[in-house]
Amino acid sequence: MKIAETKQETRKIVKEWKKQGLSVGLVPTMGFLHEGHESLILKSAAENDKTVVSVFVNPMQFGKNEDLEDYPRDFERDCSICRKAGADLIFHPCPQEMYPADFFSYVNVDRITEGLCGSDRPGHFRGVCTVVSKLFHITTPDRAYFGQKDAQQLAVIKKMVQDLDFDLQVIGCPTVREADGLAKSSRNTYLSPEERKAAAVIHRTLEYAKEAISQGQRDAGELKKELVSRIEKEPLAEIDYIELVDGELLQPVKVLKKPLLIAAAVRVGKTRLIDNYFWE
């Protein structure tokens, strides 16, 4: 497994692979890898001849008073996970490599970025789309792998790829969970033991939604009211949002029908956690 810190070196390696007719998969990450990232790398390694993992804490997608400086980092551990999962190359640039002083270009996707996390984090998806488009250009993958836990991000990237004619396939992969259902996240390390126990309420609530739909609930307003009530019963949990939206353009719905995304962002202590249920 190779490690490249520059765009030039990364391009050189990938071009050599492409000359040999090899397929390339990309797994974009911000590091501090866990089993969720590992599952993406394993899938890419199974479906492509070569796999690139980017490890880059992207400052552009963090807003004011967010956790950029405190975001967990452990590059040595990341390398070990990548190597065991079958990665061939880690692209690990510094911020100056990705955003030199004369950088003035950005990628925006409208409409589907306006609600959910986009309403609470202005500029976040501009940062995501800009860095992901750069990674696509630098690594020229045939396939790129993203976790379904970040459902809005996945939808936004798919739309960007469609609208801007990127020649690659975006693949969403199932959320990897803890034993009690909590979605794996690098930010889970922020939780105290008491908060960690309380955080399980998010998955339990989404499981209730799944069951309610299977039993015929179709009134979005009534279901949302019940979901809010269940999370509010947990004293350590504070809701940022719970929304029921269509699964493509992420617009609010009144009547539940496929494809449907139920997305939640909940703060437990100071930690903001997201999760979702997709009905399709």
C-alpha atoms as a PDB file:
ATOM      1  CA  MET A   1       0.000   0.000   0.000  1.00  0.00           C
ATOM      2  CA  LYS A   2       1.323   3.433  -0.968  1.00  0.00           C
ATOM      3  CA  ILE A   3       0.770   6.804   0.707  1.00  0.00           C
ATOM      4  CA  ALA A   4       0.737   9.973  -1.388  1.00  0.00           C
ATOM      5  CA  GLU A   5       0.546  13.488   0.031  1.00  0.00           C
ATOM      6  CA  THR A   6       0.379  15.417  -3.243  1.00  0.00           C
ATOM      7  CA  LYS A   7      -2.072  15.614  -6.115  1.00  0.00           C
ATOM      8  CA  GLN A   8       0.756  15.126  -8.589  1.00  0.00           C
ATOM      9  CA  GLU A   9       1.959  11.859  -7.070  1.00  0.00           C
ATOM     10  CA  THR A  10      -1.597  10.544  -6.737  1.00  0.00           C
ATOM     11  CA  ARG A  11      -2.383  11.327 -10.365  1.00  0.00           C
ATOM     12  CA  LYS A  12       0.836   9.638 -11.505  1.00  0.00           C
ATOM     13  CA  ILE A  13       0.024   6.416  -9.650  1.00  0.00           C
ATOM     14  CA  VAL A  14      -3.583   6.292 -10.876  1.00  0.00           C
ATOM     15  CA  LYS A  15      -2.565   7.027 -14.481  1.00  0.00           C
ATOM     16  CA  GLU A  16      -0.191   4.060 -14.392  1.00  0.00           C
ATOM     17  CA  TRP A  17      -3.050   1.853 -13.208  1.00  0.00           C
ATOM     18  CA  LYS A  18      -5.328   3.150 -15.933  1.00  0.00           C
ATOM     19  CA  LYS A  19      -2.659   2.462 -18.582  1.00  0.00           C
ATOM     20  CA  GLN A  20      -2.768  -1.162 -17.463  1.00  0.00           C
ATOM     21  CA  GLY A  21      -6.554  -1.212 -17.892  1.00  0.00           C
ATOM     22  CA  LEU A  22      -7.211  -1.505 -14.176  1.00  0.00           C
ATOM     23  CA  SER A  23     -10.433  -0.259 -12.562  1.00  0.00           C
ATOM     24  CA  VAL A  24     -10.232   2.160  -9.644  1.00  0.00           C
ATOM     25  CA  GLY A  25     -12.493   2.625  -6.631  1.00  0.00           C
ATOM     26  CA  LEU A  26     -12.423   5.656  -4.338  1.00  0.00           C
ATOM     27  CA  VAL A  27     -13.442   5.845  -0.678  1.00  0.00           C
ATOM     28  CA  PRO A  28     -13.421   9.502   0.476  1.00  0.00           C
ATOM     29  CA  THR A  29     -12.964   9.870   4.253  1.00  0.00           C
ATOM     30  CA  MET A  30     -11.987  12.416   6.872  1.00  0.00           C
ATOM     31  CA  GLY A  31      -9.945   9.793   8.706  1.00  0.00           C
ATOM     32  CA  PHE A  32     -10.310   8.362  12.210  1.00  0.00           C
ATOM     33  CA  LEU A  33     -11.627   5.288  10.434  1.00  0.00           C
ATOM     34  CA  HIS A  34     -14.060   2.807  11.990  1.00  0.00           C
ATOM     35  CA  GLU A  35     -15.916  -0.308  10.868  1.00  0.00           C
ATOM     36  CA  GLY A  36     -18.211   1.754   8.661  1.00  0.00           C
ATOM     37  CA  HIS A  37     -15.285   3.073   6.625  1.00  0.00           C
ATOM     38  CA  GLU A  38     -13.740  -0.394   6.633  1.00  0.00           C
ATOM     39  CA  SER A  39     -16.898  -1.821   5.035  1.00  0.00           C
ATOM     40  CA  LEU A  40     -16.622   0.741   2.222  1.00  0.00           C
ATOM     41  CA  ILE A  41     -12.976  -0.124   1.595  1.00  0.00           C
ATOM     42  CA  LEU A  42     -13.740  -3.859   1.578  1.00  0.00           C
ATOM     43  CA  LYS A  43     -16.534  -3.339  -0.951  1.00  0.00           C
ATOM     44  CA  SER A  44     -14.336  -1.209  -3.181  1.00  0.00           C
ATOM     45  CA  ALA A  45     -11.514  -3.753  -3.009  1.00  0.00           C
ATOM     46  CA  ALA A  46     -13.966  -6.504  -3.984  1.00  0.00           C
ATOM     47  CA  GLU A  47     -15.377  -4.579  -6.952  1.00  0.00           C
ATOM     48  CA  ASN A  48     -12.261  -2.864  -8.349  1.00  0.00           C
ATOM     49  CA  ASP A  49      -8.701  -3.759  -9.266  1.00  0.00           C
ATOM     50  CA  LYS A  50      -7.328  -0.864  -7.207  1.00  0.00           C
ATOM     51  CA  THR A  51      -8.719   1.154  -4.309  1.00  0.00           C
ATOM     52  CA  VAL A  52      -7.821   4.694  -3.248  1.00  0.00           C
ATOM     53  CA  VAL A  53      -8.778   5.961   0.212  1.00  0.00           C
ATOM     54  CA  SER A  54      -8.575   9.710   0.758  1.00  0.00           C
ATOM     55  CA  VAL A  55      -7.868  10.797   4.341  1.00  0.00           C
ATOM     56  CA  PHE A  56      -8.466  14.532   4.577  1.00  0.00           C
ATOM     57  CA  VAL A  57     -10.209  16.564   7.270  1.00  0.00           C
ATOM     58  CA  ASN A  58     -11.850  19.061   4.939  1.00  0.00           C
ATOM     59  CA  PRO A  59     -11.894  22.519   6.579  1.00  0.00           C
ATOM     60  CA  MET A  60     -14.302  23.864   3.965  1.00  0.00           C
ATOM     61  CA  GLN A  61     -17.224  21.778   5.246  1.00  0.00           C
ATOM     62  CA  PHE A  62     -16.899  22.935   8.862  1.00  0.00           C
ATOM     63  CA  GLY A  63     -18.769  26.043   9.965  1.00  0.00           C
ATOM     64  CA  LYS A  64     -17.990  28.530  12.707  1.00  0.00           C
ATOM     65  CA  ASN A  65     -17.964  27.000  16.183  1.00  0.00           C
ATOM     66  CA  GLU A  66     -17.890  23.469  14.746  1.00  0.00           C
ATOM     67  CA  ASP A  67     -15.327  20.859  15.735  1.00  0.00           C
ATOM     68  CA  LEU A  68     -12.611  21.246  13.059  1.00  0.00           C
ATOM     69  CA  GLU A  69      -9.737  21.569  15.532  1.00  0.00           C
ATOM     70  CA  ASP A  70     -11.086  18.883  17.849  1.00  0.00           C
ATOM     71  CA  TYR A  71     -12.105  16.434  15.110  1.00  0.00           C
ATOM     72  CA  PRO A  72     -10.426  13.110  16.039  1.00  0.00           C
ATOM     73  CA  ARG A  73      -7.351  12.106  14.057  1.00  0.00           C
ATOM     74  CA  ASP A  74      -5.185   8.962  14.106  1.00  0.00           C
ATOM     75  CA  PHE A  75      -3.443   8.538  10.772  1.00  0.00           C
ATOM     76  CA  GLU A  76      -1.290   5.600  11.872  1.00  0.00           C
ATOM     77  CA  ARG A  77      -4.422   3.655  12.847  1.00  0.00           C
ATOM     78  CA  ASP A  78      -6.124   4.723   9.609  1.00  0.00           C
ATOM     79  CA  CYS A  79      -3.230   3.265   7.620  1.00  0.00           C
ATOM     80  CA  SER A  80      -3.489  -0.032   9.470  1.00  0.00           C
ATOM     81  CA  ILE A  81      -7.226  -0.297   8.754  1.00  0.00           C
ATOM     82  CA  CYS A  82      -6.745   0.610   5.094  1.00  0.00           C
ATOM     83  CA  ARG A  83      -3.969  -1.930   4.643  1.00  0.00           C
ATOM     84  CA  LYS A  84      -5.972  -4.761   6.220  1.00  0.00           C
ATOM     85  CA  ALA A  85      -9.115  -3.904   4.228  1.00  0.00           C
ATOM     86  CA  GLY A  86      -7.287  -4.001   0.900  1.00  0.00           C
ATOM     87  CA  ALA A  87      -6.582  -0.366  -0.008  1.00  0.00           C
ATOM     88  CA  ASP A  88      -3.786   0.192  -2.526  1.00  0.00           C
ATOM     89  CA  LEU A  89      -3.242   3.919  -2.064  1.00  0.00           C
ATOM     90  CA  ILE A  90      -3.975   6.506   0.624  1.00  0.00           C
ATOM     91  CA  PHE A  91      -4.214  10.102  -0.570  1.00  0.00           C
ATOM     92  CA  HIS A  92      -3.400  12.199   2.497  1.00  0.00           C
ATOM     93  CA  PRO A  93      -3.017  15.855   1.505  1.00  0.00           C
ATOM     94  CA  CYS A  94      -2.627  18.868   3.763  1.00  0.00           C
ATOM     95  CA  PRO A  95      -5.148  21.732   3.491  1.00  0.00           C
ATOM     96  CA  GLN A  96      -2.673  23.860   1.516  1.00  0.00           C
ATOM     97  CA  GLU A  97      -2.344  21.099  -1.077  1.00  0.00           C
ATOM     98  CA  MET A  98      -6.092  21.057  -1.650  1.00  0.00           C
ATOM     99  CA  TYR A  99      -6.747  24.767  -1.169  1.00  0.00           C
ATOM    100  CA  PRO A 100      -3.760  26.968  -2.096  1.00  0.00           C
ATOM    101  CA  ALA A 101      -3.860  30.669  -1.266  1.00  0.00           C
ATOM    102  CA  ASP A 102      -5.250  31.576  -4.697  1.00  0.00           C
ATOM    103  CA  PHE A 103      -8.162  29.092  -4.528  1.00  0.00           C
ATOM    104  CA  PHE A 104     -11.449  30.803  -5.464  1.00  0.00           C
ATOM    105  CA  SER A 105     -13.634  28.110  -7.092  1.00  0.00           C
ATOM    106  CA  TYR A 106     -16.510  26.237  -5.462  1.00  0.00           C
ATOM    107  CA  VAL A 107     -19.195  23.692  -6.360  1.00  0.00           C
ATOM    108  CA  ASN A 108     -22.790  24.294  -5.286  1.00  0.00           C
ATOM    109  CA  VAL A 109     -25.814  22.010  -5.516  1.00  0.00           C
ATOM    110  CA  ASP A 110     -29.076  23.841  -4.848  1.00  0.00           C
ATOM    111  CA  ARG A 111     -32.479  22.753  -3.534  1.00  0.00           C
ATOM    112  CA  ILE A 112     -31.615  19.364  -2.013  1.00  0.00           C
ATOM    113  CA  THR A 113     -28.984  21.064   0.157  1.00  0.00           C
ATOM    114  CA  GLU A 114     -31.416  23.585   1.646  1.00  0.00           C
ATOM    115  CA  GLY A 115     -33.151  21.389   4.244  1.00  0.00           C
ATOM    116  CA  LEU A 116     -32.025  18.817   6.820  1.00  0.00           C
ATOM    117  CA  CYS A 117     -28.321  19.364   7.660  1.00  0.00           C
ATOM    118  CA  GLY A 118     -28.110  22.139   5.083  1.00  0.00           C
ATOM    119  CA  SER A 119     -30.439  24.398   7.059  1.00  0.00           C
ATOM    120  CA  ASP A 120     -28.360  24.045  10.240  1.00  0.00           C
ATOM    121  CA  ARG A 121     -24.946  24.120   8.569  1.00  0.00           C
ATOM    122  CA  PRO A 122     -24.783  26.900   5.954  1.00  0.00           C
ATOM    123  CA  GLY A 123     -21.960  26.325   3.489  1.00  0.00           C
ATOM    124  CA  HIS A 124     -21.452  22.727   4.587  1.00  0.00           C
ATOM    125  CA  PHE A 125     -22.508  21.113   1.328  1.00  0.00           C
ATOM    126  CA  ARG A 126     -20.601  23.638  -0.736  1.00  0.00           C
ATOM    127  CA  GLY A 127     -17.535  22.373   1.109  1.00  0.00           C
ATOM    128  CA  VAL A 128     -18.520  18.736   0.598  1.00  0.00           C
ATOM    129  CA  CYS A 129     -19.233  19.126  -3.121  1.00  0.00           C
ATOM    130  CA  THR A 130     -16.085  21.129  -3.738  1.00  0.00           C
ATOM    131  CA  VAL A 131     -13.748  18.654  -2.055  1.00  0.00           C
ATOM    132  CA  VAL A 132     -15.470  15.581  -3.505  1.00  0.00           C
ATOM    133  CA  SER A 133     -15.362  17.009  -7.029  1.00  0.00           C
ATOM    134  CA  LYS A 134     -11.643  17.686  -6.564  1.00  0.00           C
ATOM    135  CA  LEU A 135     -11.093  14.133  -5.330  1.00  0.00           C
ATOM    136  CA  PHE A 136     -12.968  12.789  -8.358  1.00  0.00           C
ATOM    137  CA  HIS A 137     -10.757  14.796 -10.714  1.00  0.00           C
ATOM    138  CA  ILE A 138      -7.535  13.841  -8.918  1.00  0.00           C
ATOM    139  CA  THR A 139      -8.208  10.093  -8.626  1.00  0.00           C
ATOM    140  CA  THR A 140     -10.486   9.575 -11.694  1.00  0.00           C
ATOM    141  CA  PRO A 141     -12.298   6.608 -10.112  1.00  0.00           C
ATOM    142  CA  ASP A 142     -14.675   4.256 -11.883  1.00  0.00           C
ATOM    143  CA  ARG A 143     -16.693   3.932  -8.674  1.00  0.00           C
ATOM    144  CA  ALA A 144     -16.915   5.959  -5.462  1.00  0.00           C
ATOM    145  CA  TYR A 145     -18.278   4.602  -2.183  1.00  0.00           C
ATOM    146  CA  PHE A 146     -20.240   6.497   0.481  1.00  0.00           C
ATOM    147  CA  GLY A 147     -22.131   5.409   3.596  1.00  0.00           C
ATOM    148  CA  GLN A 148     -25.910   5.663   3.665  1.00  0.00           C
ATOM    149  CA  LYS A 149     -25.753   7.095   7.205  1.00  0.00           C
ATOM    150  CA  ASP A 150     -25.003  10.430   5.553  1.00  0.00           C
ATOM    151  CA  ALA A 151     -28.137  10.175   3.421  1.00  0.00           C
ATOM    152  CA  GLN A 152     -28.333  13.820   2.400  1.00  0.00           C
ATOM    153  CA  GLN A 153     -24.660  13.876   1.472  1.00  0.00           C
ATOM    154  CA  LEU A 154     -25.151  10.758  -0.652  1.00  0.00           C
ATOM    155  CA  ALA A 155     -28.147  12.290  -2.443  1.00  0.00           C
ATOM    156  CA  VAL A 156     -26.279  15.544  -3.045  1.00  0.00           C
ATOM    157  CA  ILE A 157     -23.223  13.802  -4.472  1.00  0.00           C
ATOM    158  CA  LYS A 158     -25.352  11.611  -6.734  1.00  0.00           C
ATOM    159  CA  LYS A 159     -27.100  14.728  -8.043  1.00  0.00           C
ATOM    160  CA  MET A 160     -23.793  16.520  -8.577  1.00  0.00           C
ATOM    161  CA  VAL A 161     -22.398  13.555 -10.521  1.00  0.00           C
ATOM    162  CA  GLN A 162     -25.549  13.404 -12.651  1.00  0.00           C
ATOM    163  CA  ASP A 163     -25.774  17.136 -13.335  1.00  0.00           C
ATOM    164  CA  LEU A 164     -22.067  17.741 -13.988  1.00  0.00           C
ATOM    165  CA  ASP A 165     -21.547  14.547 -16.039  1.00  0.00           C
ATOM    166  CA  PHE A 166     -18.851  12.929 -13.945  1.00  0.00           C
ATOM    167  CA  ASP A 167     -17.907   9.628 -15.569  1.00  0.00           C
ATOM    168  CA  LEU A 168     -18.205   7.402 -12.522  1.00  0.00           C
ATOM    169  CA  GLN A 169     -20.699   5.411 -10.463  1.00  0.00           C
ATOM    170  CA  VAL A 170     -21.642   6.535  -6.942  1.00  0.00           C
ATOM    171  CA  ILE A 171     -22.400   3.582  -4.674  1.00  0.00           C
ATOM    172  CA  GLY A 172     -24.226   3.917  -1.360  1.00  0.00           C
ATOM    173  CA  CYS A 173     -23.390   1.313   1.272  1.00  0.00           C
ATOM    174  CA  PRO A 174     -25.423   0.223   4.313  1.00  0.00           C
ATOM    175  CA  THR A 175     -24.889   1.907   7.665  1.00  0.00           C
ATOM    176  CA  VAL A 176     -22.714  -0.091  10.047  1.00  0.00           C
ATOM    177  CA  ARG A 177     -24.022  -0.068  13.610  1.00  0.00           C
ATOM    178  CA  GLU A 178     -23.034  -0.793  17.189  1.00  0.00           C
ATOM    179  CA  ALA A 179     -24.701  -3.690  19.017  1.00  0.00           C
ATOM    180  CA  ASP A 180     -27.470  -1.383  20.308  1.00  0.00           C
ATOM    181  CA  GLY A 181     -28.077   0.089  16.859  1.00  0.00           C
ATOM    182  CA  LEU A 182     -26.164   3.370  17.177  1.00  0.00           C
ATOM    183  CA  ALA A 183     -24.703   4.265  13.792  1.00  0.00           C
ATOM    184  CA  LYS A 184     -20.917   4.091  13.688  1.00  0.00           C
ATOM    185  CA  SER A 185     -19.414   7.580  13.600  1.00  0.00           C
ATOM    186  CA  SER A 186     -16.031   9.131  14.290  1.00  0.00           C
ATOM    187  CA  ARG A 187     -17.854  11.555  16.589  1.00  0.00           C
ATOM    188  CA  ASN A 188     -19.137   8.742  18.843  1.00  0.00           C
ATOM    189  CA  THR A 189     -15.833   9.039  20.706  1.00  0.00           C
ATOM    190  CA  TYR A 190     -17.025  12.392  22.076  1.00  0.00           C
ATOM    191  CA  LEU A 191     -19.809  10.697  24.077  1.00  0.00           C
ATOM    192  CA  SER A 192     -19.485  10.028  27.787  1.00  0.00           C
ATOM    193  CA  PRO A 193     -20.679   6.590  28.980  1.00  0.00           C
ATOM    194  CA  GLU A 194     -24.005   8.093  30.078  1.00  0.00           C
ATOM    195  CA  GLU A 195     -24.410   9.952  26.772  1.00  0.00           C
ATOM    196  CA  ARG A 196     -23.438   6.859  24.812  1.00  0.00           C
ATOM    197  CA  LYS A 197     -26.267   4.930  26.461  1.00  0.00           C
ATOM    198  CA  ALA A 198     -28.728   7.762  25.803  1.00  0.00           C
ATOM    199  CA  ALA A 199     -27.730   7.977  22.121  1.00  0.00           C
ATOM    200  CA  ALA A 200     -29.361   4.612  21.414  1.00  0.00           C
ATOM    201  CA  VAL A 201     -32.735   6.411  21.499  1.00  0.00           C
ATOM    202  CA  ILE A 202     -32.125   7.599  17.926  1.00  0.00           C
ATOM    203  CA  HIS A 203     -32.032   4.130  16.416  1.00  0.00           C
ATOM    204  CA  ARG A 204     -34.906   2.903  18.593  1.00  0.00           C
ATOM    205  CA  THR A 205     -37.027   5.779  17.330  1.00  0.00           C
ATOM    206  CA  LEU A 206     -36.217   5.035  13.692  1.00  0.00           C
ATOM    207  CA  GLU A 207     -37.023   1.382  14.275  1.00  0.00           C
ATOM    208  CA  TYR A 208     -40.397   2.474  15.615  1.00  0.00           C
ATOM    209  CA  ALA A 209     -40.944   4.487  12.428  1.00  0.00           C
ATOM    210  CA  LYS A 210     -40.119   1.444  10.321  1.00  0.00           C
ATOM    211  CA  GLU A 211     -42.626  -0.652  12.256  1.00  0.00           C
ATOM    212  CA  ALA A 212     -45.327   2.020  12.095  1.00  0.00           C
ATOM    213  CA  ILE A 213     -44.983   2.234   8.320  1.00  0.00           C
ATOM    214  CA  SER A 214     -45.110  -1.550   7.985  1.00  0.00           C
ATOM    215  CA  GLN A 215     -48.402  -1.477   9.925  1.00  0.00           C
ATOM    216  CA  GLY A 216     -49.906   1.047   7.529  1.00  0.00           C
ATOM    217  CA  GLN A 217     -49.117   4.508   8.931  1.00  0.00           C
ATOM    218  CA  ARG A 218     -49.145   6.974   6.034  1.00  0.00           C
ATOM    219  CA  ASP A 219     -49.725  10.332   7.760  1.00  0.00           C
ATOM    220  CA  ALA A 220     -46.361  12.112   7.844  1.00  0.00           C
ATOM    221  CA  GLY A 221     -47.478  14.682  10.398  1.00  0.00           C
ATOM    222  CA  GLU A 222     -48.755  12.104  12.861  1.00  0.00           C
ATOM    223  CA  LEU A 223     -45.654   9.943  12.554  1.00  0.00           C
ATOM    224  CA  LYS A 224     -43.310  12.904  12.954  1.00  0.00           C
ATOM    225  CA  LYS A 225     -45.161  13.981  16.097  1.00  0.00           C
ATOM    226  CA  GLU A 226     -44.679  10.517  17.600  1.00  0.00           C
ATOM    227  CA  LEU A 227     -40.984  10.371  16.662  1.00  0.00           C
ATOM    228  CA  VAL A 228     -40.323  13.766  18.239  1.00  0.00           C
ATOM    229  CA  SER A 229     -42.143  12.693  21.397  1.00  0.00           C
ATOM    230  CA  ARG A 230     -40.067   9.535  21.750  1.00  0.00           C
ATOM    231  CA  ILE A 231     -36.736  11.335  21.467  1.00  0.00           C
ATOM    232  CA  GLU A 232     -37.824  14.167  23.756  1.00  0.00           C
ATOM    233  CA  LYS A 233     -38.393  11.598  26.524  1.00  0.00           C
ATOM    234  CA  GLU A 234     -34.617  11.125  26.668  1.00  0.00           C
ATOM    235  CA  PRO A 235     -33.312  13.959  28.917  1.00  0.00           C
ATOM    236  CA  LEU A 236     -29.832  14.035  27.353  1.00  0.00           C
ATOM    237  CA  ALA A 237     -31.122  14.269  23.781  1.00  0.00           C
ATOM    238  CA  GLU A 238     -31.941  17.527  22.001  1.00  0.00           C
ATOM    239  CA  ILE A 239     -33.462  17.390  18.523  1.00  0.00           C
ATOM    240  CA  ASP A 240     -31.894  19.439  15.726  1.00  0.00           C
ATOM    241  CA  TYR A 241     -34.412  18.032  13.261  1.00  0.00           C
ATOM    242  CA  ILE A 242     -36.554  15.042  12.403  1.00  0.00           C
ATOM    243  CA  GLU A 243     -37.872  15.223   8.866  1.00  0.00           C
ATOM    244  CA  LEU A 244     -39.867  12.960   6.562  1.00  0.00           C
ATOM    245  CA  VAL A 245     -38.932  13.746   2.960  1.00  0.00           C
ATOM    246  CA  ASP A 246     -39.080  12.139  -0.459  1.00  0.00           C
ATOM    247  CA  GLY A 247     -36.051   9.998  -1.189  1.00  0.00           C
ATOM    248  CA  GLU A 248     -34.862  11.849  -4.282  1.00  0.00           C
ATOM    249  CA  LEU A 249     -35.116  15.638  -3.947  1.00  0.00           C
ATOM    250  CA  LEU A 250     -35.512  15.512  -0.136  1.00  0.00           C
ATOM    251  CA  GLN A 251     -38.651  17.656  -0.066  1.00  0.00           C
ATOM    252  CA  PRO A 252     -41.128  17.368   2.848  1.00  0.00           C
ATOM    253  CA  VAL A 253     -44.103  15.047   2.325  1.00  0.00           C
ATOM    254  CA  LYS A 254     -47.562  14.864   3.863  1.00  0.00           C
ATOM    255  CA  VAL A 255     -48.394  11.320   2.773  1.00  0.00           C
ATOM    256  CA  LEU A 256     -45.842   8.549   3.204  1.00  0.00           C
ATOM    257  CA  LYS A 257     -44.900   6.638   0.069  1.00  0.00           C
ATOM    258  CA  LYS A 258     -41.778   5.134  -1.486  1.00  0.00           C
ATOM    259  CA  PRO A 259     -39.072   6.330  -1.797  1.00  0.00           C
ATOM    260  CA  LEU A 260     -39.103   7.948   1.641  1.00  0.00           C
ATOM    261  CA  LEU A 261     -36.274   9.193   3.837  1.00  0.00           C
ATOM    262  CA  ILE A 262     -36.766   9.709   7.556  1.00  0.00           C
ATOM    263  CA  ALA A 263     -33.743  11.700   8.695  1.00  0.00           C
ATOM    264  CA  ALA A 264     -32.775  12.712  12.213  1.00  0.00           C
ATOM    265  CA  ALA A 265     -30.095  14.936  13.695  1.00  0.00           C
ATOM    266  CA  VAL A 266     -29.925  14.822  17.477  1.00  0.00           C
ATOM    267  CA  ARG A 267     -27.493  16.357  19.942  1.00  0.00           C
ATOM    268  CA  VAL A 268     -26.558  14.160  22.861  1.00  0.00           C
ATOM    269  CA  GLY A 269     -24.571  16.331  25.204  1.00  0.00           C
ATOM    270  CA  LYS A 270     -22.430  18.448  22.872  1.00  0.00           C
ATOM    271  CA  THR A 271     -22.231  15.761  20.181  1.00  0.00           C
ATOM    272  CA  ARG A 272     -24.364  16.038  17.062  1.00  0.00           C
ATOM    273  CA  LEU A 273     -25.401  12.626  15.712  1.00  0.00           C
ATOM    274  CA  ILE A 274     -27.254  11.821  12.502  1.00  0.00           C
ATOM    275  CA  ASP A 275     -29.106   8.717  11.386  1.00  0.00           C
ATOM    276  CA  ASN A 276     -31.917   7.776   9.021  1.00  0.00           C
ATOM    277  CA  TYR A 277     -34.327   5.180   7.742  1.00  0.00           C
ATOM    278  CA  PHE A 278     -34.857   4.803   3.999  1.00  0.00           C
ATOM    279  CA  TRP A 279     -38.073   3.177   2.748  1.00  0.00           C
ATOM    280  CA  GLU A 280     -37.827   2.037  -0.856  1.00  0.00           C
END
